């Protein structure tokens, strides 16, 4: 933030762009996974995250940074696809508990990100 001399609003907008991308990504890549297959969509989502995550490091303007983070978020939206695949392979008797545990860990990880960011 200090290197780019960003305001609080600009910093918040970067975070918002990731979540906006995730919203559009899940609305796009989820149905695409149902129509073309989950494996290709998961591969696409992982590729989008990797490529645009690396391109984030090369962003030379605030606008390009926002675009790269939005596209990373778009890929993150596609990470719901493997969750569907996992639910199909779990036995029905354990499906609810296992999927709930995964959601708890996802939430715990999301809550720990700002904690670790504050510490570092």
Protein backbone atom coordinates (compact mmCIF):
# COMPACT_ATOMS: atom_id res chain seq x y z
CA UNK A 1 0.00 0.00 0.00
CA UNK A 2 2.77 2.42 0.88
CA UNK A 3 4.88 1.57 -2.19
CA UNK A 4 2.02 2.43 -4.54
CA UNK A 5 0.66 5.23 -2.32
CA UNK A 6 -2.84 3.76 -2.32
CA UNK A 7 -5.71 5.16 -0.30
CA UNK A 8 -7.85 3.02 2.00
CA UNK A 9 -10.56 3.01 -0.65
CA UNK A 10 -8.20 1.80 -3.36
CA UNK A 11 -6.89 -0.96 -1.11
CA UNK A 12 -10.45 -2.05 -0.32
CA UNK A 13 -11.31 -2.00 -4.02
CA UNK A 14 -8.52 -4.51 -4.71
CA UNK A 15 -10.10 -6.90 -2.20
CA UNK A 16 -13.55 -6.23 -3.63
CA UNK A 17 -12.35 -7.03 -7.14
CA UNK A 18 -11.27 -10.52 -6.03
CA UNK A 19 -14.69 -11.21 -4.52
CA UNK A 20 -16.51 -9.76 -7.54
CA UNK A 21 -14.45 -12.01 -9.79
CA UNK A 22 -15.23 -15.01 -7.57
CA UNK A 23 -18.94 -14.24 -7.83
CA UNK A 24 -18.85 -14.10 -11.62
CA UNK A 25 -16.50 -17.07 -11.78
CA UNK A 26 -18.77 -19.29 -9.73
CA UNK A 27 -21.80 -18.23 -11.78
CA UNK A 28 -19.91 -18.98 -15.00
CA UNK A 29 -17.62 -21.89 -14.23
CA UNK A 30 -20.10 -23.84 -12.09
CA UNK A 31 -22.63 -24.35 -14.90
CA UNK A 32 -19.77 -24.85 -17.35
CA UNK A 33 -18.55 -27.72 -15.16
CA UNK A 34 -21.96 -29.33 -15.46
CA UNK A 35 -21.99 -29.03 -19.25
CA UNK A 36 -18.38 -29.78 -20.31
CA UNK A 37 -17.15 -31.75 -17.32
CA UNK A 38 -15.69 -30.93 -13.94
CA UNK A 39 -12.11 -31.97 -14.62
CA UNK A 40 -11.57 -29.55 -17.55
CA UNK A 41 -13.22 -26.72 -15.64
CA UNK A 42 -11.13 -27.39 -12.55
CA UNK A 43 -8.00 -27.39 -14.74
CA UNK A 44 -9.14 -24.13 -16.32
CA UNK A 45 -9.82 -22.55 -12.92
CA UNK A 46 -6.41 -23.63 -11.58
CA UNK A 47 -4.73 -22.27 -14.71
CA UNK A 48 -6.55 -18.94 -14.43
CA UNK A 49 -5.50 -18.59 -10.79
CA UNK A 50 -1.88 -19.49 -11.58
CA UNK A 51 -1.44 -17.32 -14.66
CA UNK A 52 -3.17 -14.21 -13.37
CA UNK A 53 -1.68 -14.67 -9.90
CA UNK A 54 1.78 -14.51 -11.47
CA UNK A 55 0.75 -11.61 -13.71
CA UNK A 56 -0.33 -9.73 -10.58
CA UNK A 57 3.36 -9.45 -9.69
CA UNK A 58 3.98 -7.75 -13.03
CA UNK A 59 1.17 -5.22 -12.72
CA UNK A 60 2.56 -1.75 -13.30
CA UNK A 61 -0.57 0.30 -12.70
CA UNK A 62 -3.49 0.30 -10.33
CA UNK A 63 -5.93 -0.55 -13.15
CA UNK A 64 -3.88 -3.56 -14.28
CA UNK A 65 -3.59 -4.71 -10.67
CA UNK A 66 -7.37 -4.56 -10.29
CA UNK A 67 -7.85 -6.50 -13.51
CA UNK A 68 -5.39 -9.22 -12.51
CA UNK A 69 -6.94 -9.61 -9.06
CA UNK A 70 -10.43 -9.74 -10.61
CA UNK A 71 -9.31 -12.53 -12.92
CA UNK A 72 -7.70 -14.43 -10.02
CA UNK A 73 -11.04 -14.13 -8.26
CA UNK A 74 -12.79 -15.42 -11.38
CA UNK A 75 -10.62 -18.53 -11.18
CA UNK A 76 -11.29 -18.88 -7.46
CA UNK A 77 -14.99 -18.97 -8.31
CA UNK A 78 -14.31 -22.16 -10.24
CA UNK A 79 -12.96 -23.89 -7.14
CA UNK A 80 -16.51 -24.86 -6.20
CA UNK A 81 -16.37 -27.52 -8.94
CA UNK A 82 -14.11 -30.03 -7.10
CA UNK A 83 -16.37 -29.68 -4.06
CA UNK A 84 -19.24 -31.08 -6.18
CA UNK A 85 -17.01 -33.89 -7.40
CA UNK A 86 -16.03 -34.82 -3.85
CA UNK A 87 -19.66 -34.93 -2.74
CA UNK A 88 -20.42 -37.46 -5.48
CA UNK A 89 -17.74 -39.86 -4.22
CA UNK A 90 -18.52 -39.69 -0.51
CA UNK A 91 -20.85 -42.34 0.91
CA UNK A 92 -24.29 -40.92 1.60
CA UNK A 93 -24.04 -41.82 5.29
CA UNK A 94 -20.96 -39.59 5.78
CA UNK A 95 -21.52 -36.95 3.07
CA UNK A 96 -23.12 -34.26 5.23
CA UNK A 97 -20.57 -34.44 8.03
CA UNK A 98 -17.56 -34.51 5.70
CA UNK A 99 -18.77 -31.60 3.58
CA UNK A 100 -19.58 -29.61 6.71
CA UNK A 101 -16.07 -30.20 8.08
CA UNK A 102 -14.60 -28.97 4.79
CA UNK A 103 -16.69 -25.80 5.04
CA UNK A 104 -15.51 -25.23 8.62
CA UNK A 105 -11.88 -25.50 7.56
CA UNK A 106 -12.52 -23.19 4.58
CA UNK A 107 -14.05 -20.62 6.94
CA UNK A 108 -11.27 -21.01 9.50
CA UNK A 109 -8.65 -20.55 6.79
CA UNK A 110 -10.42 -17.44 5.51
CA UNK A 111 -10.48 -16.00 9.03
CA UNK A 112 -6.80 -16.76 9.61
CA UNK A 113 -5.62 -14.95 6.47
CA UNK A 114 -6.04 -11.44 7.95
CA UNK A 115 -4.56 -12.64 11.25
CA UNK A 116 -1.40 -13.85 9.53
CA UNK A 117 -1.33 -10.72 7.37
CA UNK A 118 -1.45 -8.59 10.51
CA UNK A 119 1.31 -10.61 12.16
CA UNK A 120 3.61 -10.42 9.16
